[in-house]
Structure formats: structure tokens, C-alpha cells
């Protein structure tokens, strides 16, 4: 039986209407940032939300809800870094979540 790793994805609020298709496909195929996981691990979405808009009001609260749902690692969607302009807060968001919630954060999906 394969091990399951529960993933949370946070997207930039500019893309709040995004259905997550590219992220979910990359996760299913272990591509992009999800290539860091061995193929013998099944990846499962256990949380998906936006940052809440600049300057990231949802970053304070969303990780707690994700963790309640079993999330083991949070990925920031690639839109944070390839959108124009790139998110100026992403390093702070990553540090804040890892420090306060003791859960790894990956930049990219």
C-alpha cells in the first residue's frame, strides 16, 4: 500500500477564480515542484485557498485549518512568483508559516 502525503495549496488572491487544474495535474503526475516526492507516495489535496489578498490576511489562519485536515506540507502556487509583479511577501509568508505552524512550505506547484 502506498503512503499518502496530504498537501495544502495556497494561491495568490489575484488568481482567486483559478480552479487549480494545472496545480492538481502537476501534483497527480509528480511534476514541477511535486517532483520532489517519490512516485511511491500518493499525493492528496487536503486544503486549497488564497492568501486573502495583499498583504496576505489569510496566511495567519489558513494553515491552522489545513493542519486540522491533515495537511503535512503547504505549497505556494507558482503564480506567486511568475505573476506580475511577483509577490513581495512570499518569503515572509513562508517564514511565518514554518515558524508558527511548524510545517514545511514549498514555493511552487
N, C-alpha and C. Protein backbone atom coordinates (compact mmCIF):
# COMPACT_ATOMS: atom_id res chain seq x y z
N UNK A 1 0.84 -1.19 0.00
CA UNK A 1 0.00 0.00 0.00
C UNK A 1 0.88 1.25 0.00
N UNK A 2 0.56 2.18 -0.88
CA UNK A 2 1.34 3.41 -0.98
C UNK A 2 1.06 4.33 0.20
N UNK A 3 2.09 5.07 0.57
CA UNK A 3 1.95 6.09 1.60
C UNK A 3 1.23 7.29 0.97
N UNK A 4 0.42 7.97 1.74
CA UNK A 4 -0.29 9.16 1.27
C UNK A 4 0.29 10.38 1.97
N UNK A 5 0.59 11.42 1.20
CA UNK A 5 1.05 12.69 1.74
C UNK A 5 -0.03 13.72 1.43
N UNK A 6 -0.53 14.38 2.48
CA UNK A 6 -1.59 15.37 2.31
C UNK A 6 -0.97 16.76 2.09
N UNK A 7 -1.43 17.38 1.02
CA UNK A 7 -0.88 18.65 0.55
C UNK A 7 -1.91 19.76 0.71
N UNK A 8 -1.44 20.94 1.10
CA UNK A 8 -2.24 22.15 1.07
C UNK A 8 -1.65 23.09 0.04
N UNK A 9 -2.50 23.76 -0.71
CA UNK A 9 -2.03 24.73 -1.71
C UNK A 9 -2.63 26.09 -1.38
N UNK A 10 -1.78 27.10 -1.35
CA UNK A 10 -2.23 28.48 -1.19
C UNK A 10 -1.90 29.20 -2.48
N UNK A 11 -2.91 29.88 -3.05
CA UNK A 11 -2.71 30.62 -4.29
C UNK A 11 -2.78 32.12 -4.02
N UNK A 12 -2.18 32.88 -4.91
CA UNK A 12 -2.26 34.34 -4.85
C UNK A 12 -3.71 34.76 -5.08
N UNK A 13 -4.18 35.71 -4.31
CA UNK A 13 -5.57 36.14 -4.41
C UNK A 13 -5.91 36.74 -5.77
N UNK A 14 -4.90 37.21 -6.51
CA UNK A 14 -5.18 37.73 -7.86
C UNK A 14 -5.77 36.64 -8.74
N UNK A 15 -5.50 35.38 -8.39
CA UNK A 15 -5.98 34.24 -9.18
C UNK A 15 -7.07 33.48 -8.44
N UNK A 16 -7.82 34.17 -7.58
CA UNK A 16 -8.81 33.53 -6.71
C UNK A 16 -9.87 32.74 -7.47
N UNK A 17 -10.07 33.02 -8.74
CA UNK A 17 -11.04 32.27 -9.52
C UNK A 17 -10.44 31.04 -10.18
N UNK A 18 -9.17 30.79 -9.96
CA UNK A 18 -8.49 29.64 -10.56
C UNK A 18 -9.04 28.35 -9.97
N UNK A 19 -9.35 27.40 -10.84
CA UNK A 19 -9.86 26.11 -10.41
C UNK A 19 -8.76 25.15 -9.99
N UNK A 20 -7.49 25.52 -10.19
CA UNK A 20 -6.38 24.70 -9.72
C UNK A 20 -5.95 23.60 -10.67
N UNK A 21 -6.47 23.58 -11.89
CA UNK A 21 -6.21 22.49 -12.82
C UNK A 21 -4.74 22.18 -13.04
N UNK A 22 -3.93 23.19 -13.29
CA UNK A 22 -2.50 22.94 -13.54
C UNK A 22 -1.81 22.43 -12.28
N UNK A 23 -2.14 22.99 -11.14
CA UNK A 23 -1.54 22.53 -9.88
C UNK A 23 -1.91 21.07 -9.61
N UNK A 24 -3.20 20.75 -9.78
CA UNK A 24 -3.66 19.39 -9.49
C UNK A 24 -3.06 18.39 -10.46
N UNK A 25 -2.94 18.79 -11.74
CA UNK A 25 -2.35 17.90 -12.73
C UNK A 25 -0.87 17.67 -12.43
N UNK A 26 -0.15 18.74 -12.09
CA UNK A 26 1.26 18.60 -11.72
C UNK A 26 1.41 17.70 -10.51
N UNK A 27 0.52 17.85 -9.54
CA UNK A 27 0.58 17.01 -8.35
C UNK A 27 0.33 15.55 -8.70
N UNK A 28 -0.70 15.29 -9.50
CA UNK A 28 -1.05 13.92 -9.89
C UNK A 28 0.11 13.25 -10.62
N UNK A 29 0.81 14.01 -11.47
CA UNK A 29 1.90 13.46 -12.28
C UNK A 29 3.27 13.60 -11.64
N UNK A 30 3.32 14.12 -10.41
CA UNK A 30 4.60 14.34 -9.72
C UNK A 30 5.53 15.19 -10.58
N UNK A 31 5.01 16.27 -11.13
CA UNK A 31 5.78 17.18 -11.97
C UNK A 31 5.97 18.51 -11.26
N UNK A 32 6.84 19.35 -11.83
CA UNK A 32 7.08 20.66 -11.24
C UNK A 32 7.61 20.50 -9.82
N UNK A 33 7.12 21.32 -8.92
CA UNK A 33 7.57 21.26 -7.52
C UNK A 33 7.19 19.94 -6.86
N UNK A 34 6.20 19.24 -7.41
CA UNK A 34 5.78 17.97 -6.84
C UNK A 34 6.70 16.81 -7.21
N UNK A 35 7.67 17.08 -8.07
CA UNK A 35 8.64 16.03 -8.44
C UNK A 35 9.57 15.71 -7.27
N UNK A 36 9.52 16.52 -6.23
CA UNK A 36 10.36 16.27 -5.05
C UNK A 36 9.88 15.06 -4.25
N UNK A 37 8.64 14.61 -4.52
CA UNK A 37 8.08 13.46 -3.82
C UNK A 37 8.31 12.20 -4.65
N UNK A 38 8.70 11.12 -3.99
CA UNK A 38 8.88 9.84 -4.67
C UNK A 38 7.57 9.40 -5.31
N UNK A 39 7.68 8.71 -6.42
CA UNK A 39 6.49 8.22 -7.12
C UNK A 39 5.74 7.16 -6.32
N UNK A 40 6.38 6.60 -5.29
CA UNK A 40 5.68 5.61 -4.48
C UNK A 40 4.84 6.26 -3.38
N UNK A 41 4.72 7.58 -3.43
CA UNK A 41 3.88 8.31 -2.48
C UNK A 41 2.70 8.91 -3.24
N UNK A 42 1.48 8.63 -2.79
CA UNK A 42 0.30 9.26 -3.37
C UNK A 42 0.11 10.63 -2.73
N UNK A 43 -0.09 11.63 -3.55
CA UNK A 43 -0.30 12.99 -3.06
C UNK A 43 -1.80 13.29 -3.09
N UNK A 44 -2.27 13.89 -2.01
CA UNK A 44 -3.70 14.15 -1.88
C UNK A 44 -3.91 15.60 -1.44
N UNK A 45 -4.81 16.31 -2.11
CA UNK A 45 -5.15 17.67 -1.71
C UNK A 45 -6.02 17.62 -0.47
N UNK A 46 -5.60 18.32 0.56
CA UNK A 46 -6.40 18.38 1.79
C UNK A 46 -6.73 19.82 2.16
N UNK A 47 -6.30 20.77 1.31
CA UNK A 47 -6.60 22.17 1.54
C UNK A 47 -6.21 23.00 0.33
N UNK A 48 -7.05 23.98 -0.02
CA UNK A 48 -6.80 24.84 -1.17
C UNK A 48 -7.48 26.17 -0.89
N UNK A 49 -6.71 27.26 -0.86
CA UNK A 49 -7.28 28.57 -0.58
C UNK A 49 -6.37 29.65 -1.14
N UNK A 50 -6.82 30.89 -1.02
CA UNK A 50 -5.99 32.03 -1.43
C UNK A 50 -5.29 32.61 -0.21
N UNK A 51 -4.34 33.50 -0.49
CA UNK A 51 -3.63 34.19 0.59
C UNK A 51 -4.52 35.20 1.28
N UNK A 52 -5.62 35.57 0.62
CA UNK A 52 -6.54 36.56 1.19
C UNK A 52 -6.33 37.95 0.62
N UNK A 53 -5.38 38.10 -0.28
CA UNK A 53 -5.09 39.41 -0.86
C UNK A 53 -4.01 40.13 -0.07
N UNK A 54 -3.34 41.03 -0.75
CA UNK A 54 -2.23 41.76 -0.13
C UNK A 54 -2.73 42.52 1.10
N UNK A 55 -2.02 42.40 2.19
CA UNK A 55 -0.73 41.74 2.38
C UNK A 55 -0.83 40.32 2.96
N UNK A 56 -1.82 39.55 2.59
CA UNK A 56 -1.88 38.14 2.99
C UNK A 56 -2.62 37.86 4.27
N UNK A 57 -3.77 38.45 4.45
CA UNK A 57 -4.54 38.28 5.68
C UNK A 57 -4.91 36.83 5.99
N UNK A 58 -5.03 36.00 4.99
CA UNK A 58 -5.41 34.61 5.22
C UNK A 58 -4.23 33.74 5.65
N UNK A 59 -3.03 34.24 5.48
CA UNK A 59 -1.82 33.47 5.83
C UNK A 59 -1.77 33.18 7.32
N UNK A 60 -2.35 34.06 8.11
CA UNK A 60 -2.36 33.85 9.57
C UNK A 60 -3.24 32.69 9.99
N UNK A 61 -4.31 32.41 9.24
CA UNK A 61 -5.34 31.48 9.70
C UNK A 61 -5.46 30.20 8.88
N UNK A 62 -5.23 30.28 7.57
CA UNK A 62 -5.44 29.13 6.69
C UNK A 62 -4.59 27.91 7.08
N UNK A 63 -3.32 28.09 7.46
CA UNK A 63 -2.53 26.91 7.81
C UNK A 63 -3.13 26.09 8.96
N UNK A 64 -3.72 26.75 9.94
CA UNK A 64 -4.32 26.03 11.07
C UNK A 64 -5.45 25.13 10.59
N UNK A 65 -6.28 25.64 9.71
CA UNK A 65 -7.39 24.84 9.17
C UNK A 65 -6.86 23.69 8.33
N UNK A 66 -5.83 23.96 7.54
CA UNK A 66 -5.24 22.90 6.71
C UNK A 66 -4.66 21.78 7.58
N UNK A 67 -3.98 22.16 8.63
CA UNK A 67 -3.38 21.18 9.54
C UNK A 67 -4.47 20.33 10.19
N UNK A 68 -5.60 20.95 10.56
CA UNK A 68 -6.74 20.19 11.11
C UNK A 68 -7.23 19.13 10.13
N UNK A 69 -7.05 19.41 8.83
CA UNK A 69 -7.49 18.48 7.79
C UNK A 69 -6.38 17.51 7.38
N UNK A 70 -5.28 17.51 8.13
CA UNK A 70 -4.23 16.54 7.89
C UNK A 70 -3.10 16.97 6.99
N UNK A 71 -3.10 18.23 6.55
CA UNK A 71 -2.04 18.70 5.65
C UNK A 71 -0.68 18.53 6.33
N UNK A 72 0.27 17.99 5.55
CA UNK A 72 1.63 17.75 6.05
C UNK A 72 2.64 18.72 5.46
N UNK A 73 2.31 19.33 4.34
CA UNK A 73 3.19 20.31 3.69
C UNK A 73 2.31 21.27 2.90
N UNK A 74 2.70 22.54 2.90
CA UNK A 74 1.95 23.57 2.17
C UNK A 74 2.79 24.02 0.99
N UNK A 75 2.14 24.08 -0.17
CA UNK A 75 2.79 24.59 -1.37
C UNK A 75 2.17 25.94 -1.71
N UNK A 76 3.03 26.93 -2.02
CA UNK A 76 2.55 28.19 -2.59
C UNK A 76 2.51 28.00 -4.09
N UNK A 77 1.37 28.27 -4.71
CA UNK A 77 1.22 28.09 -6.14
C UNK A 77 2.24 28.95 -6.89
N UNK A 78 2.62 28.45 -8.04
CA UNK A 78 3.63 29.10 -8.86
C UNK A 78 3.25 30.53 -9.22
N UNK A 79 1.96 30.84 -9.27
CA UNK A 79 1.50 32.19 -9.58
C UNK A 79 2.08 33.26 -8.67
N UNK A 80 2.47 32.89 -7.46
CA UNK A 80 3.10 33.86 -6.55
C UNK A 80 4.40 34.41 -7.12
N UNK A 81 5.12 33.58 -7.87
CA UNK A 81 6.44 34.01 -8.34
C UNK A 81 6.47 34.34 -9.82
N UNK A 82 5.54 33.82 -10.62
CA UNK A 82 5.55 34.13 -12.04
C UNK A 82 4.52 35.20 -12.41
N UNK A 83 3.62 35.53 -11.49
CA UNK A 83 2.66 36.60 -11.74
C UNK A 83 3.39 37.93 -11.79
N UNK A 84 2.74 38.94 -12.36
CA UNK A 84 3.38 40.25 -12.41
C UNK A 84 2.58 41.22 -11.58
N UNK A 85 3.18 41.87 -10.62
CA UNK A 85 4.55 41.61 -10.16
C UNK A 85 4.57 40.36 -9.28
N UNK A 86 5.75 39.75 -9.12
CA UNK A 86 5.85 38.62 -8.19
C UNK A 86 5.47 39.08 -6.78
N UNK A 87 4.97 38.18 -5.98
CA UNK A 87 4.55 38.51 -4.61
C UNK A 87 5.74 39.03 -3.79
N UNK A 88 5.63 40.25 -3.26
CA UNK A 88 6.72 40.78 -2.45
C UNK A 88 6.74 40.21 -1.02
N UNK A 89 5.71 39.46 -0.65
CA UNK A 89 5.58 38.96 0.71
C UNK A 89 5.91 37.47 0.85
N UNK A 90 6.20 36.79 -0.23
CA UNK A 90 6.28 35.33 -0.20
C UNK A 90 7.32 34.80 0.78
N UNK A 91 8.47 35.44 0.87
CA UNK A 91 9.49 34.98 1.82
C UNK A 91 8.99 35.12 3.26
N UNK A 92 8.31 36.22 3.52
CA UNK A 92 7.73 36.43 4.85
C UNK A 92 6.65 35.39 5.14
N UNK A 93 5.78 35.13 4.16
CA UNK A 93 4.72 34.12 4.34
C UNK A 93 5.33 32.76 4.69
N UNK A 94 6.34 32.36 3.93
CA UNK A 94 6.99 31.06 4.13
C UNK A 94 7.57 30.98 5.54
N UNK A 95 8.32 31.99 5.93
CA UNK A 95 8.94 32.04 7.25
C UNK A 95 7.89 32.03 8.36
N UNK A 96 6.84 32.82 8.18
CA UNK A 96 5.78 32.91 9.18
C UNK A 96 5.13 31.55 9.42
N UNK A 97 4.76 30.88 8.34
CA UNK A 97 4.08 29.59 8.47
C UNK A 97 5.01 28.55 9.08
N UNK A 98 6.24 28.47 8.59
CA UNK A 98 7.16 27.46 9.12
C UNK A 98 7.48 27.71 10.59
N UNK A 99 7.60 28.96 10.99
CA UNK A 99 7.92 29.29 12.38
C UNK A 99 6.72 29.07 13.31
N UNK A 100 5.56 29.53 12.88
CA UNK A 100 4.39 29.50 13.76
C UNK A 100 3.60 28.20 13.72
N UNK A 101 3.67 27.49 12.60
CA UNK A 101 2.89 26.26 12.46
C UNK A 101 3.74 25.00 12.38
N UNK A 102 5.07 25.17 12.31
CA UNK A 102 5.99 24.03 12.31
C UNK A 102 5.64 23.02 11.20
N UNK A 103 5.37 23.55 10.02
CA UNK A 103 5.04 22.71 8.86
C UNK A 103 5.88 23.22 7.69
N UNK A 104 6.40 22.31 6.87
CA UNK A 104 7.22 22.77 5.74
C UNK A 104 6.39 23.50 4.68
N UNK A 105 7.01 24.49 4.05
CA UNK A 105 6.38 25.26 2.98
C UNK A 105 7.29 25.17 1.75
N UNK A 106 6.68 24.86 0.62
CA UNK A 106 7.40 24.77 -0.66
C UNK A 106 6.88 25.88 -1.56
N UNK A 107 7.78 26.60 -2.17
CA UNK A 107 7.39 27.64 -3.12
C UNK A 107 7.32 27.00 -4.50
N UNK A 108 6.12 26.90 -5.03
CA UNK A 108 5.91 26.31 -6.34
C UNK A 108 4.96 25.12 -6.29
N UNK A 109 4.32 24.90 -7.43
CA UNK A 109 3.42 23.75 -7.56
C UNK A 109 3.74 23.00 -8.84
